[in-house]
């Protein structure tokens, strides 16, 4: 798509902050006003539009994409998206371990257990750890509690949280990142632990490295979008 505008600006409106191109409000793909909850997020979205050249490259505008998803898909059906996110907690990667005594199990214990213990203490839940890949259900109390935790967030946070949970296959790691209980690098290495373990054993594969690089970019974009949605350092 050719760039069709010259100026980019943001404007405070009743529901948040709108994006303006040549002074006109922008709409989402579903023709809803592109209005985001915080000034910081509006500035990030505006920077993506300002940074386009003669051609608009949608793939280079992740914050705009997250905002569109929040407005068009998540806010109209929040319960469905909350349930989809909580489903990652039912089969959370961090709860499924190698057999006891194996070197991989020791690495999982070192890197995953602090995240699980944080979640248990933070949310007053108990999580079932499993040796192997056969599904074991989590307690209904724990799932109900996680449902309430996720549902407390607005559609913009859920847009980023969905991506983080899906990339790592872990709701618990996603919540730990959202709450900044651990830094991004610690969480990233935790959700990629088994890939990194295989590389240590057999060496790196170029295609796998490139795929992980793209996943890391999406992971970082989603984390930043969540932070912008929760921004308390500036005007909302």
Protein backbone atom coordinates (compact mmCIF):
# COMPACT_ATOMS: atom_id res chain seq x y z
CA UNK A 1 0.00 0.00 0.00
CA UNK A 2 1.30 3.44 -0.94
CA UNK A 3 1.70 5.99 1.82
CA UNK A 4 -1.34 8.26 1.47
CA UNK A 5 -0.71 10.82 4.24
CA UNK A 6 1.83 13.47 5.16
CA UNK A 7 1.29 14.23 8.83
CA UNK A 8 0.78 12.01 11.87
CA UNK A 9 -0.55 13.23 15.21
CA UNK A 10 -2.38 12.04 18.31
CA UNK A 11 -5.32 13.67 20.04
CA UNK A 12 -6.86 13.20 23.47
CA UNK A 13 -10.50 12.15 23.15
CA UNK A 14 -13.21 11.03 25.55
CA UNK A 15 -12.19 7.35 25.55
CA UNK A 16 -8.42 7.75 25.35
CA UNK A 17 -6.09 8.90 22.58
CA UNK A 18 -6.82 8.85 18.85
CA UNK A 19 -4.45 8.64 15.89
CA UNK A 20 -4.80 11.32 13.21
CA UNK A 21 -3.43 11.16 9.67
CA UNK A 22 -3.51 14.53 7.94
CA UNK A 23 -5.82 15.64 10.73
CA UNK A 24 -8.38 12.87 10.16
CA UNK A 25 -9.11 10.10 12.68
CA UNK A 26 -7.89 6.63 11.72
CA UNK A 27 -10.20 3.62 11.85
CA UNK A 28 -9.46 -0.05 12.43
CA UNK A 29 -10.05 -2.72 9.75
CA UNK A 30 -13.57 -3.16 11.20
CA UNK A 31 -14.17 0.59 10.84
CA UNK A 32 -13.97 1.33 14.55
CA UNK A 33 -12.14 4.45 15.79
CA UNK A 34 -8.48 3.66 16.48
CA UNK A 35 -8.50 4.96 20.06
CA UNK A 36 -6.03 3.57 22.59
CA UNK A 37 -6.07 3.90 26.39
CA UNK A 38 -2.79 5.68 27.13
CA UNK A 39 -0.83 8.56 25.68
CA UNK A 40 2.33 6.43 25.62
CA UNK A 41 0.61 3.81 23.47
CA UNK A 42 -0.76 6.46 21.12
CA UNK A 43 2.73 7.85 20.67
CA UNK A 44 4.12 4.37 19.92
CA UNK A 45 1.41 3.73 17.32
CA UNK A 46 1.97 7.18 15.80
CA UNK A 47 5.71 6.53 15.57
CA UNK A 48 5.02 3.41 13.49
CA UNK A 49 2.94 5.41 11.01
CA UNK A 50 5.44 8.26 10.97
CA UNK A 51 8.25 5.82 10.25
CA UNK A 52 6.73 4.45 7.04
CA UNK A 53 8.37 5.26 3.73
CA UNK A 54 6.69 5.48 0.34
CA UNK A 55 5.18 2.03 0.95
CA UNK A 56 3.28 1.12 4.13
CA UNK A 57 4.68 -2.14 5.52
CA UNK A 58 2.07 -3.59 7.87
CA UNK A 59 4.54 -6.09 9.34
CA UNK A 60 6.63 -3.19 10.66
CA UNK A 61 3.69 -1.87 12.74
CA UNK A 62 3.17 -4.37 15.58
CA UNK A 63 1.65 -1.92 18.05
CA UNK A 64 -0.93 -0.86 15.48
CA UNK A 65 -1.72 -4.53 14.91
CA UNK A 66 -2.17 -5.22 18.61
CA UNK A 67 -4.40 -2.15 18.98
CA UNK A 68 -6.55 -3.21 16.02
CA UNK A 69 -6.89 -6.71 17.47
CA UNK A 70 -7.89 -5.35 20.87
CA UNK A 71 -10.55 -3.05 19.43
CA UNK A 72 -11.97 -5.29 16.69
CA UNK A 73 -11.69 -8.76 18.20
CA UNK A 74 -11.04 -8.82 21.93
CA UNK A 75 -13.12 -6.00 23.41
CA UNK A 76 -16.33 -7.24 21.68
CA UNK A 77 -15.80 -10.79 23.06
CA UNK A 78 -13.57 -10.56 26.15
CA UNK A 79 -14.82 -13.76 27.80
CA UNK A 80 -13.81 -15.90 24.81
CA UNK A 81 -10.30 -14.48 24.75
CA UNK A 82 -9.90 -14.81 28.50
CA UNK A 83 -10.84 -18.49 28.24
CA UNK A 84 -8.41 -18.98 25.36
CA UNK A 85 -5.58 -17.47 27.40
CA UNK A 86 -6.39 -19.45 30.54
CA UNK A 87 -6.30 -22.64 28.46
CA UNK A 88 -2.52 -22.22 28.33
CA UNK A 89 -2.54 -22.55 32.11
CA UNK A 90 -4.35 -25.89 31.91
CA UNK A 91 -1.44 -27.40 29.96
CA UNK A 92 1.30 -25.00 30.95
CA UNK A 93 4.68 -25.95 29.50
CA UNK A 94 6.44 -25.16 32.79
CA UNK A 95 4.47 -27.90 34.57
CA UNK A 96 5.64 -30.73 32.27
CA UNK A 97 9.12 -32.02 33.04
CA UNK A 98 11.58 -34.64 31.90
CA UNK A 99 11.90 -37.75 34.05
CA UNK A 100 13.53 -37.16 37.46
CA UNK A 101 17.29 -37.56 37.42
CA UNK A 102 17.71 -36.59 33.78
CA UNK A 103 19.96 -33.56 33.16
CA UNK A 104 17.12 -31.78 31.36
CA UNK A 105 14.90 -32.18 34.44
CA UNK A 106 17.56 -30.49 36.53
CA UNK A 107 17.67 -27.55 34.12
CA UNK A 108 13.87 -27.33 34.14
CA UNK A 109 13.85 -27.34 37.92
CA UNK A 110 16.41 -24.53 38.00
CA UNK A 111 14.75 -22.29 35.40
CA UNK A 112 11.06 -23.12 35.73
CA UNK A 113 10.48 -23.74 39.40
CA UNK A 114 11.08 -20.12 40.53
CA UNK A 115 8.38 -18.95 38.10
CA UNK A 116 5.89 -21.56 39.30
CA UNK A 117 6.60 -20.78 42.94
CA UNK A 118 6.14 -17.08 42.25
CA UNK A 119 2.76 -17.77 40.61
CA UNK A 120 1.64 -20.00 43.48
CA UNK A 121 2.53 -17.37 46.07
CA UNK A 122 1.22 -14.42 44.09
CA UNK A 123 -2.14 -15.93 43.18
CA UNK A 124 -2.68 -18.36 46.08
CA UNK A 125 -2.82 -21.41 43.81
CA UNK A 126 -1.20 -24.84 43.72
CA UNK A 127 0.14 -26.27 40.48
CA UNK A 128 0.55 -29.91 39.52
CA UNK A 129 4.02 -30.76 38.18
CA UNK A 130 4.14 -33.72 35.80
CA UNK A 131 7.01 -35.96 34.71
CA UNK A 132 6.30 -36.71 31.05
CA UNK A 133 3.80 -35.37 28.54
CA UNK A 134 0.58 -37.10 29.58
CA UNK A 135 -1.92 -34.43 30.55
CA UNK A 136 -2.75 -34.03 34.22
CA UNK A 137 -5.54 -31.59 35.10
CA UNK A 138 -4.85 -28.62 37.32
CA UNK A 139 -7.10 -28.02 40.33
CA UNK A 140 -10.30 -26.18 39.50
CA UNK A 141 -9.54 -23.64 42.24
CA UNK A 142 -6.26 -22.76 40.54
CA UNK A 143 -7.86 -22.43 37.10
CA UNK A 144 -10.71 -20.32 38.47
CA UNK A 145 -8.23 -18.06 40.20
CA UNK A 146 -6.19 -17.66 37.01
CA UNK A 147 -9.41 -16.94 35.11
CA UNK A 148 -10.15 -14.07 37.49
CA UNK A 149 -6.60 -12.74 37.22
CA UNK A 150 -6.65 -12.69 33.43
CA UNK A 151 -10.20 -11.29 33.25
CA UNK A 152 -9.15 -8.30 35.36
CA UNK A 153 -7.11 -6.94 32.43
CA UNK A 154 -8.54 -4.82 29.64
CA UNK A 155 -8.63 -5.80 25.99
CA UNK A 156 -5.36 -4.05 25.17
CA UNK A 157 -3.38 -5.95 27.80
CA UNK A 158 -5.09 -9.16 26.69
CA UNK A 159 -3.94 -8.54 23.11
CA UNK A 160 -0.32 -8.63 24.19
CA UNK A 161 -0.79 -11.34 26.81
CA UNK A 162 -2.32 -13.69 24.22
CA UNK A 163 0.81 -13.46 22.10
CA UNK A 164 3.21 -13.94 25.00
CA UNK A 165 1.33 -16.98 26.31
CA UNK A 166 1.04 -18.58 22.87
CA UNK A 167 4.72 -18.09 21.99
CA UNK A 168 5.87 -19.82 25.15
CA UNK A 169 2.95 -22.18 25.69
CA UNK A 170 2.84 -20.82 29.23
CA UNK A 171 0.29 -18.60 30.94
CA UNK A 172 2.37 -18.58 34.12
CA UNK A 173 5.48 -17.28 32.36
CA UNK A 174 3.33 -14.68 30.58
CA UNK A 175 1.86 -13.43 33.87
CA UNK A 176 5.30 -13.32 35.48
CA UNK A 177 6.53 -11.19 32.60
CA UNK A 178 3.45 -8.96 32.72
CA UNK A 179 3.98 -8.34 36.44
CA UNK A 180 7.74 -7.87 35.92
CA UNK A 181 8.47 -10.54 38.52
CA UNK A 182 11.40 -11.60 36.31
CA UNK A 183 13.19 -9.79 33.52
CA UNK A 184 12.40 -10.48 29.88
CA UNK A 185 15.58 -12.45 29.24
CA UNK A 186 14.88 -14.83 32.14
CA UNK A 187 11.34 -15.50 30.92
CA UNK A 188 12.47 -15.87 27.32
CA UNK A 189 15.12 -18.42 28.21
CA UNK A 190 12.58 -20.29 30.33
CA UNK A 191 10.04 -20.65 27.53
CA UNK A 192 12.78 -21.61 25.05
CA UNK A 193 14.57 -23.93 27.47
CA UNK A 194 13.99 -27.16 25.57
CA UNK A 195 15.03 -25.61 22.24
CA UNK A 196 18.20 -24.24 23.81
CA UNK A 197 18.87 -27.61 25.43
CA UNK A 198 18.66 -29.38 22.07
CA UNK A 199 21.05 -26.84 20.56
CA UNK A 200 23.56 -27.51 23.32
CA UNK A 201 23.40 -31.22 22.51
CA UNK A 202 23.24 -31.18 18.72
CA UNK A 203 24.23 -27.70 17.58
CA UNK A 204 22.24 -24.83 16.13
CA UNK A 205 20.12 -25.00 12.98
CA UNK A 206 19.88 -21.85 10.85
CA UNK A 207 16.14 -22.15 10.20
CA UNK A 208 15.44 -22.79 13.88
CA UNK A 209 17.54 -19.78 14.85
CA UNK A 210 15.68 -17.56 12.39
CA UNK A 211 12.31 -18.80 13.61
CA UNK A 212 13.31 -18.10 17.19
CA UNK A 213 14.55 -14.64 16.24
CA UNK A 214 11.14 -13.80 14.78
CA UNK A 215 9.37 -15.23 17.82
CA UNK A 216 11.60 -13.17 20.09
CA UNK A 217 10.73 -10.01 18.17
CA UNK A 218 7.00 -10.76 18.56
CA UNK A 219 7.54 -11.59 22.25
CA UNK A 220 9.31 -8.26 22.86
CA UNK A 221 6.69 -6.31 20.90
CA UNK A 222 3.89 -7.91 22.92
CA UNK A 223 5.66 -7.19 26.21
CA UNK A 224 6.13 -3.53 25.26
CA UNK A 225 2.49 -3.25 24.16
CA UNK A 226 1.34 -4.58 27.54
CA UNK A 227 3.60 -2.08 29.28
CA UNK A 228 2.19 0.76 27.18
CA UNK A 229 -1.36 -0.36 27.97
CA UNK A 230 -0.58 -0.23 31.69
CA UNK A 231 1.51 2.93 31.51
CA UNK A 232 1.12 4.98 34.67
CA UNK A 233 4.03 7.31 34.13
CA UNK A 234 2.17 9.67 31.87
CA UNK A 235 -1.23 10.97 30.96
CA UNK A 236 -3.91 8.37 30.30
